[in-house]
Amino acid sequence: MKIPYQEIDPETLEQLIQFFVLREGTDYGEEERSLEEKVADVRKQLENGEAIIVYSELHESVNIVPATN
């Protein structure tokens, strides 16, 4: 089930994005990025429709995934 990010409490959304970024452990190569920068990138992806938030009833979990066209 897709969850519009606008319907999530701002503090909860911030924590969800932080959890996602920390869990992903993405390597940015030679350029190290701060947590704040990574969170801002994910937030921008949500705002631009490049990523969405989904809830899985089967797994009882929330995740951020790339949007499919």
Protein backbone atom coordinates (compact mmCIF):
# COMPACT_ATOMS: atom_id res chain seq x y z
CA MET A 1 0.00 0.00 0.00
CA LYS A 2 1.40 3.39 -1.03
CA ILE A 3 1.48 6.01 1.74
CA PRO A 4 1.63 9.67 0.61
CA TYR A 5 4.54 11.28 2.44
CA GLN A 6 2.43 14.42 2.95
CA GLU A 7 0.08 12.45 5.22
CA ILE A 8 2.85 11.44 7.61
CA ASP A 9 3.60 13.60 10.65
CA PRO A 10 6.76 15.63 9.81
CA GLU A 11 8.70 14.30 12.80
CA THR A 12 7.74 10.72 11.97
CA LEU A 13 8.70 11.25 8.32
CA GLU A 14 12.10 12.60 9.36
CA GLN A 15 12.71 9.55 11.55
CA LEU A 16 11.55 7.19 8.79
CA ILE A 17 13.94 8.76 6.28
CA GLN A 18 16.81 8.67 8.79
CA PHE A 19 16.13 5.00 9.52
CA PHE A 20 16.06 4.25 5.79
CA VAL A 21 19.34 6.10 5.14
CA LEU A 22 21.12 4.45 8.07
CA ARG A 23 19.81 1.01 7.15
CA GLU A 24 20.82 1.31 3.51
CA GLY A 25 24.44 2.13 4.35
CA THR A 26 24.95 3.51 0.86
CA ASP A 27 28.54 4.11 -0.21
CA TYR A 28 28.97 7.41 -2.02
CA GLY A 29 32.49 6.66 -3.22
CA GLU A 30 35.26 9.13 -2.53
CA GLU A 31 32.85 11.86 -1.45
CA GLU A 32 31.54 11.29 2.08
CA ARG A 33 28.10 12.74 2.73
CA SER A 34 26.56 13.71 6.07
CA LEU A 35 23.40 12.15 7.41
CA GLU A 36 21.62 15.47 6.90
CA GLU A 37 22.62 15.56 3.22
CA LYS A 38 21.46 11.98 2.66
CA VAL A 39 18.13 12.68 4.39
CA ALA A 40 17.66 15.81 2.27
CA ASP A 41 18.32 13.78 -0.89
CA VAL A 42 15.70 11.17 0.03
CA ARG A 43 13.19 13.87 0.99
CA LYS A 44 13.74 15.53 -2.41
CA GLN A 45 13.19 12.17 -4.15
CA LEU A 46 9.88 11.79 -2.29
CA GLU A 47 8.82 15.34 -3.20
CA ASN A 48 9.77 14.82 -6.88
CA GLY A 49 7.94 11.51 -7.10
CA GLU A 50 11.16 9.58 -7.70
CA ALA A 51 10.62 7.55 -4.52
CA ILE A 52 7.53 6.46 -2.60
CA ILE A 53 6.71 5.15 0.86
CA VAL A 54 5.05 1.75 0.97
CA TYR A 55 3.51 -0.25 3.79
CA SER A 56 3.54 -4.04 3.62
CA GLU A 57 0.70 -5.65 5.55
CA LEU A 58 2.33 -9.04 5.05
CA HIS A 59 5.60 -7.97 6.67
CA GLU A 60 4.09 -5.19 8.82
CA SER A 61 6.82 -2.85 7.67
CA VAL A 62 7.29 0.53 6.01
CA ASN A 63 9.89 1.14 3.34
CA ILE A 64 11.03 3.79 0.87
CA VAL A 65 11.40 2.46 -2.66
CA PRO A 66 11.99 3.87 -6.12
CA ALA A 67 8.76 4.91 -7.85
CA THR A 68 7.92 2.87 -10.91
CA ASN A 69 6.64 4.60 -14.00
